[in-house]
Amino acid sequence: MSVRLFSSAATVLVIHNCPDHITVVNFLNISDVSVSWEEPTASSPNGPVMLVTSTHVSGETFPRNSQDTVTYVFEDLLASLKNVNLCGNSTVYSSHIPGDVFPPGPTMVNYIFTDGAGNSASCIFIVTVAEVDTTPPVLLSCPSNITVTVDVGQESVAVSWQPPTAEDLGGQVFQSDMLNPNDTFMIGVTEVVYEFADAANNRVSCTFTITVVESDSSPPIIMNCPDDIQEDIEIGTLTIIVTWKEPTAVDNSGQDALVTRNSFPGMPFAAGTREVVYIFSDSDNNEATCSFNVTVIPGTQFANMEVGTSNVVVTWPEPTVTDNSGSFNLIGPSHSPGDTFPTGLTNVVYNYEDNSGNSAVCEFRVNVSSEDTRPPSITGCPLTQTVNVEAGTDEVQVIWTEPTASDTSGLVSLLSNNYNSGDLFSVGDTIVEYVFVDAHGNQAVCSFIVRVTAVDTRDPLVINCPQTVTEVVELGVSVAIVRWDEPFAVDLSGSPVFVTKSHQPPVVLSVGDHVISYSFEDLAGNVADCVFTVSISTGITVTG
């Protein structure tokens, strides 16, 4: 324990109850221990003594395994007073007077009044100088306005920046912000605000804008850019018409891409190689290019031969030669007009040489293409199919052997047919058609007629044909008038029926048996008969 005393040179402060060194044994092995002691006091013959400060107080907690020095500082109040004023028989001692400069923090001001008899009175108060922070933090960095460009159709983009920083004399700065680097920003202008505040709530802000602008930086996308094209030009021809499917392009702006080109399909091309260039451009002048070569090979003799044929005879006008010497020799041409050539390209060479050994060469190509111009060959195409059906029948099933086809190309298929064997056909003529096609689109047609004829083979149907009809007459009567319900007939074909009959009721018939007949005939000559007997007999005479 140590004590520091502050007094005038003639004054000695007296310390009372200054404790000796204190040792505490921690039997419980706990981390902190509370230590208590009787606190010291001080006195001075001059008057009051003040405890200025102490490093610790009795009952304070000390950590385990530590050694701490406890210090009490006392001060003689009278000795510390520096201002003395005499007022009559009184003396005023003061530590400060109005207008003094005070340091930050609390300062004790003492006034002691003493009269001539040695009586004294004191006035003690505290002057506290508070440090007030009115200065806002200082921005160390703040981003400038940021502009970001996005492609057409892109609605947002992540934007990054170096966050601003600030410092303050107080040492502590608090930051608040609503947006952070790598956040997503929509098209347009967004204000970003960072605010910094110190412990005294003095504030400073960093404000900048992020502008997202839509701009088309992508070139159009080309589709169907043709590959290089090679064409052969026939002997004696200067140009050839070349066609191709033109490329197209789409653009992310949704607008059609403008195009410029140096050639177009269907135009004539001379011998040689020419680059065809298409340039597509959008409204923001982003360009995309499609280019390909058209090569025209001169001096070709064309010929076609049917598929399945191994070679074809090709002729051409032979070249003519002149020489200023008047004579020259043809040295073995590789081929002659009328030779046979296989499919594909064959080089034909004519070598000429004059008597001086000067030579000239004529070289061209024979291009033989295999072409299928023959339609398929049909086998088993049916003749007219004739079928009879009973009159009154609506339709009938007709069966035939279906045709087949073959082709020199080896590939043939049934393209279409309007009926199949086994289908139902109505009365009358119906055209049946089979269409066959080969691999090269050549077609062959098999057509025939299915003729369904309604034939009436059924007899008319007799209705109400009577049984035997009997009549009785009196004795002496030789005849009788006979009546019956006449039969009739109908025909299933719906055609009319004609009738022939032996008797027409009522009829007078003599006593005895009589055969009555009805004959019914339809338009097809089918006949049905109704025959019955009329029997007339004599009865007994009745008298009165």
Protein backbone atom coordinates (compact mmCIF):
# COMPACT_ATOMS: atom_id res chain seq x y z
CA MET A 1 0.00 0.00 0.00
CA SER A 2 1.45 3.43 -0.87
CA VAL A 3 0.28 6.95 -0.06
CA ARG A 4 1.22 10.17 -1.86
CA LEU A 5 0.79 13.45 0.01
CA PHE A 6 0.37 16.88 -1.60
CA SER A 7 0.93 19.87 0.76
CA SER A 8 2.72 23.19 1.13
CA ALA A 9 6.33 23.22 2.21
CA ALA A 10 5.38 24.13 5.78
CA THR A 11 2.61 21.60 6.03
CA VAL A 12 2.95 17.92 6.79
CA LEU A 13 0.00 15.62 6.12
CA VAL A 14 -0.47 12.79 8.56
CA ILE A 15 -1.73 9.42 7.22
CA HIS A 16 -3.87 7.33 9.49
CA ASN A 17 -4.45 3.52 9.17
CA CYS A 18 -2.37 2.93 6.06
CA PRO A 19 -2.61 -0.90 5.64
CA ASP A 20 0.43 -3.13 5.39
CA HIS A 21 0.94 -5.42 2.42
CA ILE A 22 -1.99 -7.83 2.04
CA THR A 23 -1.57 -11.42 0.90
CA VAL A 24 -4.62 -13.54 0.13
CA VAL A 25 -4.41 -17.34 -0.25
CA ASN A 26 -6.89 -18.72 -2.82
CA PHE A 27 -7.77 -22.13 -1.43
CA LEU A 28 -10.78 -22.61 -3.69
CA ASN A 29 -8.70 -22.06 -6.81
CA ILE A 30 -11.26 -19.61 -8.17
CA SER A 31 -10.35 -17.10 -10.83
CA ASP A 32 -11.09 -13.83 -8.92
CA VAL A 33 -11.00 -12.95 -5.22
CA SER A 34 -12.63 -10.01 -3.37
CA VAL A 35 -10.14 -8.25 -1.01
CA SER A 36 -11.18 -5.80 1.77
CA TRP A 37 -9.19 -3.49 4.07
CA GLU A 38 -9.70 -0.49 6.36
CA GLU A 39 -9.24 2.51 4.12
CA PRO A 40 -6.63 5.10 5.23
CA THR A 41 -7.35 8.73 6.09
CA ALA A 42 -5.22 11.89 6.33
CA SER A 43 -5.13 15.11 8.42
CA SER A 44 -3.33 18.47 8.30
CA PRO A 45 -2.86 21.20 10.87
CA ASN A 46 -3.87 23.67 8.15
CA GLY A 47 -7.37 22.35 7.87
CA PRO A 48 -9.26 20.00 5.59
CA VAL A 49 -7.55 17.28 3.59
CA MET A 50 -9.05 15.84 0.39
CA LEU A 51 -8.68 12.32 -1.05
CA VAL A 52 -7.65 13.10 -4.57
CA THR A 53 -7.71 9.60 -6.02
CA SER A 54 -7.20 5.92 -5.24
CA THR A 55 -6.30 3.14 -7.64
CA HIS A 56 -8.50 0.60 -5.86
CA VAL A 57 -11.20 0.51 -3.20
CA SER A 58 -11.82 -1.93 -0.36
CA GLY A 59 -13.89 -4.94 -1.47
CA GLU A 60 -12.63 -4.82 -5.03
CA THR A 61 -12.07 -8.11 -6.94
CA PHE A 62 -8.48 -9.05 -7.85
CA PRO A 63 -7.48 -11.76 -10.31
CA ARG A 64 -5.73 -14.95 -9.21
CA ASN A 65 -1.92 -15.03 -9.17
CA SER A 66 -1.63 -11.24 -9.42
CA GLN A 67 0.29 -8.57 -7.48
CA ASP A 68 -1.27 -5.12 -7.52
CA THR A 69 -0.20 -1.82 -5.92
CA VAL A 70 -2.92 0.12 -4.19
CA THR A 71 -2.33 3.89 -4.06
CA TYR A 72 -4.23 6.60 -2.19
CA VAL A 73 -3.46 10.28 -2.96
CA PHE A 74 -4.38 12.96 -0.42
CA GLU A 75 -4.11 16.75 -0.79
CA ASP A 76 -3.97 19.62 1.71
CA LEU A 77 -6.75 21.87 0.48
CA LEU A 78 -5.33 25.03 2.00
CA ALA A 79 -1.89 24.40 0.59
CA SER A 80 -3.34 23.89 -2.89
CA LEU A 81 -5.06 27.23 -2.93
CA LYS A 82 -3.11 29.73 -5.02
CA ASN A 83 -5.30 32.80 -5.06
CA VAL A 84 -5.54 34.95 -1.91
CA ASN A 85 -7.83 37.93 -1.56
CA LEU A 86 -8.05 40.22 1.46
CA CYS A 87 -11.44 41.61 2.27
CA GLY A 88 -11.59 43.64 5.49
CA ASN A 89 -10.59 41.37 8.36
CA SER A 90 -11.23 38.28 6.20
CA THR A 91 -8.93 36.39 3.98
CA VAL A 92 -10.24 34.45 0.95
CA TYR A 93 -8.22 31.60 -0.44
CA SER A 94 -9.26 30.14 -3.88
CA SER A 95 -7.84 27.49 -6.18
CA HIS A 96 -9.19 29.25 -9.29
CA ILE A 97 -10.69 32.54 -10.24
CA PRO A 98 -13.20 33.31 -12.97
CA GLY A 99 -11.57 33.50 -16.36
CA ASP A 100 -9.09 30.72 -15.69
CA VAL A 101 -8.51 28.12 -18.37
CA PHE A 102 -9.71 24.63 -17.44
CA PRO A 103 -8.67 21.35 -19.04
CA PRO A 104 -11.21 18.86 -20.31
CA GLY A 105 -12.88 16.91 -17.54
CA PRO A 106 -13.89 17.77 -13.95
CA THR A 107 -11.85 20.32 -11.88
CA MET A 108 -12.52 21.04 -8.19
CA VAL A 109 -12.67 24.74 -7.30
CA ASN A 110 -12.08 25.53 -3.60
CA TYR A 111 -12.86 28.73 -1.78
CA ILE A 112 -11.85 29.06 1.97
CA PHE A 113 -12.85 32.10 3.93
CA THR A 114 -10.94 32.97 7.20
CA ASP A 115 -11.71 35.83 9.56
CA GLY A 116 -9.36 37.59 11.98
CA ALA A 117 -10.30 35.24 14.84
CA GLY A 118 -9.22 32.22 12.81
CA ASN A 119 -12.72 31.07 12.00
CA SER A 120 -13.00 29.60 8.51
CA ALA A 121 -15.65 28.52 6.04
CA SER A 122 -15.22 26.78 2.70
CA CYS A 123 -17.01 26.64 -0.67
CA ILE A 124 -16.17 23.72 -2.87
CA PHE A 125 -17.65 23.10 -6.36
CA ILE A 126 -16.71 21.26 -9.55
CA VAL A 127 -16.05 22.85 -12.91
CA THR A 128 -16.52 20.21 -15.63
CA VAL A 129 -15.25 20.91 -19.14
CA ALA A 130 -17.04 18.52 -21.54
CA GLU A 131 -15.51 17.67 -24.91
CA VAL A 132 -18.21 18.16 -27.58
CA ASP A 133 -17.59 16.60 -31.05
CA THR A 134 -19.19 18.71 -33.79
CA THR A 135 -16.90 17.63 -36.60
CA PRO A 136 -18.35 14.97 -38.95
CA PRO A 137 -16.24 12.05 -40.16
CA VAL A 138 -13.94 12.65 -43.13
CA LEU A 139 -14.53 10.69 -46.34
CA LEU A 140 -11.36 8.97 -47.43
CA SER A 141 -12.86 7.66 -50.68
CA CYS A 142 -16.18 7.87 -52.53
CA PRO A 143 -16.82 6.25 -55.93
CA SER A 144 -17.57 8.43 -58.90
CA ASN A 145 -20.77 7.93 -60.87
CA ILE A 146 -20.77 4.55 -62.64
CA THR A 147 -22.22 3.81 -66.09
CA VAL A 148 -22.68 0.21 -67.20
CA THR A 149 -23.83 -0.95 -70.64
CA VAL A 150 -25.96 -4.09 -71.12
CA ASP A 151 -26.96 -5.81 -74.32
CA VAL A 152 -30.42 -5.46 -75.81
CA GLY A 153 -32.85 -7.79 -74.09
CA GLN A 154 -30.81 -7.91 -70.86
CA GLU A 155 -32.89 -6.39 -68.10
CA SER A 156 -30.32 -6.19 -65.27
CA VAL A 157 -26.63 -6.52 -64.47
CA ALA A 158 -24.44 -6.99 -61.40
CA VAL A 159 -22.31 -3.91 -60.70
CA SER A 160 -19.21 -3.81 -58.50
CA TRP A 161 -17.36 -0.89 -56.91
CA GLN A 162 -14.84 -0.19 -54.16
CA PRO A 163 -16.90 0.71 -51.06
CA PRO A 164 -16.20 4.20 -49.66
CA THR A 165 -14.37 4.67 -46.35
CA ALA A 166 -14.29 7.40 -43.69
CA GLU A 167 -12.39 8.24 -40.49
CA ASP A 168 -13.16 10.41 -37.45
CA LEU A 169 -11.10 12.14 -34.79
CA GLY A 170 -13.07 10.19 -32.22
CA GLY A 171 -11.77 7.01 -33.78
CA GLN A 172 -15.13 5.26 -34.19
CA VAL A 173 -17.21 5.51 -37.38
CA PHE A 174 -20.55 3.78 -38.05
CA GLN A 175 -21.58 3.00 -41.62
CA SER A 176 -25.05 2.45 -43.09
CA ASP A 177 -25.88 1.53 -46.68
CA MET A 178 -28.77 0.05 -48.64
CA LEU A 179 -26.83 -1.33 -51.62
CA ASN A 180 -23.63 -3.31 -51.85
CA PRO A 181 -21.07 -4.16 -54.52
CA ASN A 182 -22.19 -6.95 -56.91
CA ASP A 183 -25.87 -6.17 -56.32
CA THR A 184 -28.12 -6.39 -59.38
CA PHE A 185 -29.27 -3.14 -60.99
CA MET A 186 -32.08 -2.66 -63.48
CA ILE A 187 -31.87 -0.47 -66.58
CA GLY A 188 -32.00 3.19 -65.58
CA VAL A 189 -30.40 5.40 -62.93
CA THR A 190 -30.06 4.23 -59.31
CA GLU A 191 -28.70 6.44 -56.52
CA VAL A 192 -26.37 4.71 -54.06
CA VAL A 193 -25.92 6.38 -50.65
CA TYR A 194 -23.41 5.48 -47.95
CA GLU A 195 -23.79 7.34 -44.65
CA PHE A 196 -21.10 7.54 -41.97
CA ALA A 197 -21.70 8.71 -38.37
CA ASP A 198 -19.34 9.14 -35.41
CA ALA A 199 -20.12 8.58 -31.74
CA ALA A 200 -21.53 12.10 -31.47
CA ASN A 201 -23.87 11.34 -34.42
CA ASN A 202 -22.06 13.77 -36.70
CA ARG A 203 -22.82 12.49 -40.20
CA VAL A 204 -21.30 12.59 -43.66
CA SER A 205 -22.61 10.82 -46.76
CA CYS A 206 -21.12 9.47 -49.97
CA THR A 207 -23.60 9.57 -52.87
CA PHE A 208 -23.07 8.36 -56.42
CA THR A 209 -25.26 7.04 -59.21
CA ILE A 210 -25.21 3.79 -61.14
CA THR A 211 -26.60 4.18 -64.65
CA VAL A 212 -27.44 1.00 -66.58
CA VAL A 213 -27.79 1.74 -70.30
CA GLU A 214 -29.18 -0.69 -72.84
CA SER A 215 -26.99 -0.90 -75.94
CA ASP A 216 -26.78 -3.44 -78.75
CA SER A 217 -23.22 -4.69 -79.01
CA SER A 218 -23.99 -8.15 -80.40
CA PRO A 219 -23.82 -8.72 -84.16
CA PRO A 220 -26.68 -10.50 -85.96
CA ILE A 221 -26.64 -14.31 -85.94
CA ILE A 222 -26.31 -15.79 -89.43
CA MET A 223 -28.16 -18.94 -90.36
CA ASN A 224 -27.75 -21.21 -93.42
CA CYS A 225 -24.52 -19.72 -94.72
CA PRO A 226 -23.84 -21.85 -97.84
CA ASP A 227 -20.74 -24.01 -98.25
CA ASP A 228 -18.44 -23.46 -101.21
CA ILE A 229 -20.12 -24.24 -104.56
CA GLN A 230 -18.47 -25.89 -107.58
CA GLU A 231 -20.09 -26.04 -111.01
CA ASP A 232 -18.91 -27.38 -114.34
CA ILE A 233 -19.46 -25.31 -117.48
CA GLU A 234 -20.05 -27.06 -120.79
CA ILE A 235 -17.64 -26.82 -123.66
CA GLY A 236 -18.36 -23.73 -125.74
CA THR A 237 -20.35 -22.04 -122.96
CA LEU A 238 -19.02 -18.88 -121.36
CA THR A 239 -21.17 -18.70 -118.23
CA ILE A 240 -23.45 -20.82 -116.11
CA ILE A 241 -26.38 -19.89 -113.87
CA VAL A 242 -25.59 -20.71 -110.24
CA THR A 243 -28.22 -20.80 -107.52
CA TRP A 244 -28.11 -21.32 -103.76
CA LYS A 245 -30.34 -20.84 -100.75
CA GLU A 246 -29.64 -17.39 -99.43
CA PRO A 247 -28.48 -17.04 -95.80
CA THR A 248 -30.61 -15.23 -93.26
CA ALA A 249 -29.86 -13.56 -89.95
CA VAL A 250 -31.66 -12.67 -86.73
CA ASP A 251 -30.77 -9.95 -84.26
CA ASN A 252 -31.41 -9.65 -80.55
CA SER A 253 -33.02 -6.26 -81.14
CA GLY A 254 -35.93 -8.07 -82.77
CA GLN A 255 -35.51 -6.03 -85.95
CA ASP A 256 -34.63 -7.50 -89.32
CA ALA A 257 -30.92 -7.35 -90.07
CA LEU A 258 -30.09 -5.25 -93.10
CA VAL A 259 -28.10 -7.11 -95.76
CA THR A 260 -25.75 -6.19 -98.54
CA ARG A 261 -24.40 -8.73 -101.00
CA ASN A 262 -22.11 -8.76 -103.98
CA SER A 263 -23.92 -11.59 -105.82
CA PHE A 264 -27.33 -13.22 -105.77
CA PRO A 265 -28.77 -16.63 -106.72
CA GLY A 266 -29.64 -17.12 -110.39
CA MET A 267 -26.98 -14.83 -111.78
CA PRO A 268 -24.46 -16.08 -114.38
CA PHE A 269 -20.93 -16.93 -113.30
CA ALA A 270 -17.96 -17.17 -115.66
CA ALA A 271 -15.14 -19.68 -115.35
CA GLY A 272 -12.98 -19.18 -112.27
CA THR A 273 -13.54 -18.66 -108.55
CA ARG A 274 -15.55 -15.79 -107.14
CA GLU A 275 -16.16 -15.02 -103.48
CA VAL A 276 -19.78 -14.32 -102.60
CA VAL A 277 -20.17 -12.09 -99.56
CA TYR A 278 -23.29 -11.30 -97.50
CA ILE A 279 -22.99 -8.59 -94.84
CA PHE A 280 -25.73 -8.34 -92.20
CA SER A 281 -25.97 -5.19 -90.08
CA ASP A 282 -28.34 -4.19 -87.29
CA SER A 283 -29.54 -0.70 -86.39
CA ASP A 284 -26.49 -0.20 -84.12
CA ASN A 285 -24.10 -1.02 -87.00
CA ASN A 286 -23.03 -4.37 -85.55
CA GLU A 287 -22.04 -6.50 -88.53
CA ALA A 288 -21.84 -10.21 -89.32
CA THR A 289 -20.45 -11.66 -92.55
CA CYS A 290 -21.24 -14.83 -94.51
CA SER A 291 -18.87 -15.64 -97.36
CA PHE A 292 -18.38 -18.62 -99.64
CA ASN A 293 -16.71 -19.34 -102.99
CA VAL A 294 -18.40 -20.18 -106.29
CA THR A 295 -15.97 -22.04 -108.55
CA VAL A 296 -16.87 -22.61 -112.19
CA ILE A 297 -14.72 -25.18 -113.96
CA PRO A 298 -14.58 -24.64 -117.75
CA GLY A 299 -14.41 -27.19 -120.58
CA THR A 300 -16.81 -29.94 -119.47
CA GLN A 301 -18.80 -32.23 -121.71
CA PHE A 302 -21.94 -33.39 -119.91
CA ALA A 303 -23.74 -36.65 -120.45
CA ASN A 304 -26.44 -38.63 -118.62
CA MET A 305 -27.05 -42.31 -118.41
CA GLU A 306 -29.85 -44.34 -116.90
CA VAL A 307 -29.43 -45.77 -113.43
CA GLY A 308 -28.30 -49.35 -113.66
CA THR A 309 -26.30 -48.69 -116.82
CA SER A 310 -22.54 -49.10 -116.53
CA ASN A 311 -21.49 -46.61 -119.25
CA VAL A 312 -22.77 -44.30 -121.97
CA VAL A 313 -21.55 -43.17 -125.40
CA VAL A 314 -20.41 -39.54 -125.41
CA THR A 315 -19.64 -37.44 -128.48
CA TRP A 316 -18.23 -33.96 -128.90
CA PRO A 317 -16.88 -31.74 -131.69
CA GLU A 318 -13.16 -32.35 -131.89
CA PRO A 319 -10.82 -29.39 -131.48
CA THR A 320 -9.27 -27.79 -134.55
CA VAL A 321 -5.62 -26.75 -134.81
CA THR A 322 -3.66 -24.40 -137.04
CA ASP A 323 0.09 -23.89 -137.24
CA ASN A 324 2.11 -21.30 -139.14
CA SER A 325 4.25 -24.11 -140.55
CA GLY A 326 1.20 -25.57 -142.18
CA SER A 327 1.68 -29.04 -140.69
CA PHE A 328 1.21 -30.65 -137.27
CA ASN A 329 0.61 -34.04 -135.76
CA LEU A 330 -2.03 -35.29 -133.32
CA ILE A 331 -0.29 -37.38 -130.73
CA GLY A 332 -2.61 -40.06 -129.43
CA PRO A 333 -5.76 -38.44 -127.91
CA SER A 334 -6.79 -40.10 -124.70
CA HIS A 335 -10.37 -40.49 -125.93
CA SER A 336 -12.35 -39.98 -129.12
CA PRO A 337 -15.96 -38.96 -129.81
CA GLY A 338 -18.22 -42.00 -129.60
CA ASP A 339 -16.22 -43.65 -126.81
CA THR A 340 -18.10 -44.99 -123.80
CA PHE A 341 -17.61 -43.33 -120.42
CA PRO A 342 -18.47 -44.47 -116.92
CA THR A 343 -20.23 -42.38 -114.30
CA GLY A 344 -18.17 -39.49 -112.94
CA LEU A 345 -15.44 -37.23 -114.30
CA THR A 346 -13.00 -38.33 -116.99
CA ASN A 347 -10.19 -36.14 -118.36
CA VAL A 348 -9.86 -36.05 -122.14
CA VAL A 349 -6.53 -34.84 -123.53
CA TYR A 350 -5.53 -33.90 -127.11
CA ASN A 351 -1.78 -33.36 -127.73
CA TYR A 352 -0.62 -31.60 -130.88
CA GLU A 353 2.94 -31.12 -132.10
CA ASP A 354 4.33 -29.38 -135.17
CA ASN A 355 7.45 -30.40 -137.10
CA SER A 356 9.62 -28.16 -134.92
CA GLY A 357 8.60 -29.94 -131.75
CA ASN A 358 6.33 -27.19 -130.51
CA SER A 359 3.33 -28.68 -128.71
CA ALA A 360 -0.16 -27.59 -127.69
CA VAL A 361 -2.59 -29.33 -125.41
CA CYS A 362 -6.39 -29.30 -125.38
CA GLU A 363 -7.79 -30.77 -122.19
CA PHE A 364 -11.37 -30.99 -121.00
CA ARG A 365 -13.54 -33.21 -118.83
CA VAL A 366 -16.43 -35.54 -119.56
CA ASN A 367 -18.93 -35.48 -116.71
CA VAL A 368 -21.32 -38.44 -116.79
CA SER A 369 -24.22 -38.33 -114.35
CA SER A 370 -26.30 -41.33 -113.46
CA GLU A 371 -29.91 -40.29 -113.86
CA ASP A 372 -33.04 -42.28 -113.22
CA THR A 373 -35.71 -41.28 -115.73
CA ARG A 374 -37.54 -44.59 -116.01
CA PRO A 375 -40.69 -45.16 -114.00
CA PRO A 376 -41.05 -48.32 -111.98
CA SER A 377 -42.23 -51.46 -113.77
CA ILE A 378 -45.62 -52.69 -112.51
CA THR A 379 -46.40 -56.41 -112.38
CA GLY A 380 -49.86 -57.93 -111.98
CA CYS A 381 -52.02 -54.87 -112.62
CA PRO A 382 -55.58 -56.34 -112.49
CA LEU A 383 -58.02 -56.19 -115.39
CA THR A 384 -61.58 -54.96 -114.90
CA GLN A 385 -63.13 -56.72 -111.93
CA THR A 386 -66.80 -57.59 -112.66
CA VAL A 387 -69.05 -58.65 -109.80
CA ASN A 388 -72.82 -59.30 -109.85
CA VAL A 389 -74.98 -58.65 -106.81
CA GLU A 390 -78.60 -59.33 -106.12
CA ALA A 391 -80.83 -56.41 -106.95
CA GLY A 392 -81.56 -54.44 -103.80
CA THR A 393 -78.08 -55.05 -102.33
CA ASP A 394 -76.23 -51.77 -101.61
CA GLU A 395 -72.59 -52.91 -101.75
CA VAL A 396 -70.40 -56.00 -102.07
CA GLN A 397 -66.84 -56.98 -101.07
CA VAL A 398 -64.47 -57.33 -104.02
CA ILE A 399 -61.14 -59.17 -103.77
CA TRP A 400 -58.25 -59.09 -106.23
CA THR A 401 -54.51 -59.82 -106.30
CA GLU A 402 -52.74 -56.53 -105.60
CA PRO A 403 -50.09 -55.33 -108.08
CA THR A 404 -46.37 -55.00 -107.32
CA ALA A 405 -43.57 -52.91 -108.87
CA SER A 406 -39.81 -53.05 -109.37
CA ASP A 407 -37.25 -50.43 -110.47
CA THR A 408 -33.73 -50.33 -111.87
CA SER A 409 -32.67 -48.20 -108.91
CA GLY A 410 -33.57 -51.05 -106.60
CA LEU A 411 -35.83 -48.82 -104.52
CA VAL A 412 -39.54 -48.58 -105.17
CA SER A 413 -42.49 -48.00 -102.89
CA LEU A 414 -46.25 -47.74 -103.05
CA LEU A 415 -46.95 -44.01 -102.93
CA SER A 416 -50.73 -44.23 -102.73
CA ASN A 417 -53.79 -46.32 -103.51
CA ASN A 418 -57.42 -45.34 -103.15
CA TYR A 419 -58.80 -48.83 -102.49
CA ASN A 420 -57.54 -52.13 -101.14
CA SER A 421 -58.46 -55.66 -102.02
CA GLY A 422 -61.36 -56.69 -99.81
CA ASP A 423 -62.97 -53.22 -99.67
CA LEU A 424 -66.72 -52.79 -100.18
CA PHE A 425 -67.93 -51.39 -103.52
CA SER A 426 -71.30 -49.93 -104.50
CA VAL A 427 -73.23 -50.83 -107.65
CA GLY A 428 -71.63 -49.17 -110.65
CA ASP A 429 -68.09 -48.58 -111.96
CA THR A 430 -65.29 -47.53 -109.57
CA ILE A 431 -61.74 -46.70 -110.70
CA VAL A 432 -59.06 -48.26 -108.48
CA GLU A 433 -55.60 -46.71 -108.71
CA TYR A 434 -52.17 -47.78 -107.37
CA VAL A 435 -49.29 -45.27 -107.67
CA PHE A 436 -45.69 -46.52 -107.31
CA VAL A 437 -42.64 -44.23 -107.00
CA ASP A 438 -38.89 -44.91 -107.16
CA ALA A 439 -36.06 -43.24 -105.25
CA HIS A 440 -35.80 -40.46 -107.85
CA GLY A 441 -39.48 -39.54 -107.93
CA ASN A 442 -40.42 -41.37 -111.11
CA GLN A 443 -43.98 -42.66 -110.85
CA ALA A 444 -45.96 -45.48 -112.43
CA VAL A 445 -49.73 -45.95 -112.16
CA CYS A 446 -51.82 -49.11 -112.23
CA SER A 447 -55.54 -48.40 -112.66
CA PHE A 448 -58.47 -50.71 -113.30
CA ILE A 449 -62.27 -50.73 -112.95
CA VAL A 450 -64.32 -52.55 -110.37
CA ARG A 451 -67.75 -53.02 -111.98
CA VAL A 452 -70.58 -54.04 -109.69
CA THR A 453 -73.79 -55.00 -111.51
CA ALA A 454 -77.14 -55.49 -109.80
CA VAL A 455 -78.80 -58.70 -111.12
CA ASP A 456 -82.39 -59.78 -110.22
CA THR A 457 -82.49 -63.59 -109.89
CA ARG A 458 -85.33 -63.85 -107.41
CA ASP A 459 -88.94 -64.67 -108.36
CA PRO A 460 -91.68 -62.26 -107.35
CA LEU A 461 -93.27 -62.97 -104.00
CA VAL A 462 -96.94 -64.04 -104.32
CA ILE A 463 -99.25 -62.78 -101.62
CA ASN A 464 -102.83 -64.01 -100.80
CA CYS A 465 -102.85 -67.01 -103.14
CA PRO A 466 -106.25 -68.73 -102.39
CA GLN A 467 -106.69 -72.39 -101.37
CA THR A 468 -109.41 -74.53 -103.07
CA VAL A 469 -112.60 -72.57 -103.54
CA THR A 470 -115.90 -74.62 -103.21
CA GLU A 471 -119.42 -73.71 -104.29
CA VAL A 472 -122.70 -75.75 -103.98
CA VAL A 473 -125.69 -75.27 -106.31
CA GLU A 474 -129.20 -76.74 -106.21
CA LEU A 475 -130.16 -79.77 -108.19
CA GLY A 476 -130.99 -78.84 -111.66
CA VAL A 477 -128.69 -75.81 -111.62
CA SER A 478 -125.69 -76.31 -113.89
CA VAL A 479 -123.64 -73.14 -113.28
CA ALA A 480 -122.66 -70.83 -110.47
CA ILE A 481 -121.16 -67.37 -110.12
CA VAL A 482 -117.88 -67.74 -108.22
CA ARG A 483 -115.92 -64.99 -106.45
CA TRP A 484 -112.53 -64.99 -104.61
CA ASP A 485 -109.92 -62.52 -103.34
CA GLU A 486 -107.33 -62.16 -106.06
CA PRO A 487 -103.66 -62.80 -105.23
CA PHE A 488 -100.95 -60.20 -105.99
CA ALA A 489 -97.12 -60.17 -106.03
CA VAL A 490 -94.18 -57.87 -105.19
CA ASP A 491 -90.53 -58.01 -106.29
CA LEU A 492 -87.55 -57.44 -103.97
CA SER A 493 -85.82 -55.42 -106.70
CA GLY A 494 -88.61 -52.88 -106.47
CA SER A 495 -89.39 -53.26 -110.17
CA PRO A 496 -93.00 -53.66 -111.30
CA VAL A 497 -94.59 -57.11 -111.58
CA PHE A 498 -96.79 -58.13 -114.52
CA VAL A 499 -99.62 -60.63 -113.99
CA THR A 500 -101.31 -63.14 -116.32
CA LYS A 501 -104.46 -64.96 -115.07
CA SER A 502 -106.80 -67.64 -116.38
CA HIS A 503 -110.01 -66.23 -114.89
CA GLN A 504 -111.23 -62.91 -113.63
CA PRO A 505 -113.63 -62.99 -110.68
CA PRO A 506 -116.58 -62.90 -110.56
CA VAL A 507 -116.81 -65.66 -113.14
CA VAL A 508 -119.62 -68.10 -114.19
CA LEU A 509 -118.44 -71.68 -113.97
CA SER A 510 -120.28 -74.93 -114.56
CA VAL A 511 -120.65 -77.64 -112.03
CA GLY A 512 -117.36 -79.48 -111.61
CA ASP A 513 -113.69 -78.68 -110.85
CA HIS A 514 -111.94 -75.75 -112.51
CA VAL A 515 -108.21 -74.89 -112.29
CA ILE A 516 -107.57 -71.20 -111.76
CA SER A 517 -104.02 -69.89 -112.46
CA TYR A 518 -102.20 -66.56 -111.92
CA SER A 519 -98.70 -65.98 -113.37
CA PHE A 520 -96.52 -63.08 -112.04
CA GLU A 521 -93.37 -61.93 -113.94
CA ASP A 522 -90.81 -59.16 -113.03
CA LEU A 523 -88.68 -57.14 -115.43
CA ALA A 524 -85.85 -59.69 -115.22
CA GLY A 525 -88.22 -62.45 -116.41
CA ASN A 526 -88.44 -64.16 -113.07
CA VAL A 527 -91.91 -65.84 -112.79
CA ALA A 528 -94.02 -66.94 -109.83
CA ASP A 529 -97.38 -68.77 -110.14
CA CYS A 530 -100.48 -69.02 -108.01
CA VAL A 531 -102.70 -72.04 -108.92
CA PHE A 532 -105.83 -73.16 -107.08
CA THR A 533 -109.08 -75.12 -107.81
CA VAL A 534 -112.65 -73.94 -107.87
CA SER A 535 -114.99 -76.90 -107.15
CA ILE A 536 -118.77 -76.56 -107.89
CA SER A 537 -121.05 -79.35 -106.71
CA THR A 538 -124.83 -80.04 -106.78
CA GLY A 539 -126.66 -80.07 -103.56
CA ILE A 540 -130.07 -81.52 -102.41
CA THR A 541 -133.35 -79.97 -103.46
CA VAL A 542 -135.29 -78.60 -100.61
CA THR A 543 -139.22 -78.73 -100.91
CA GLY A 544 -141.93 -77.11 -98.93
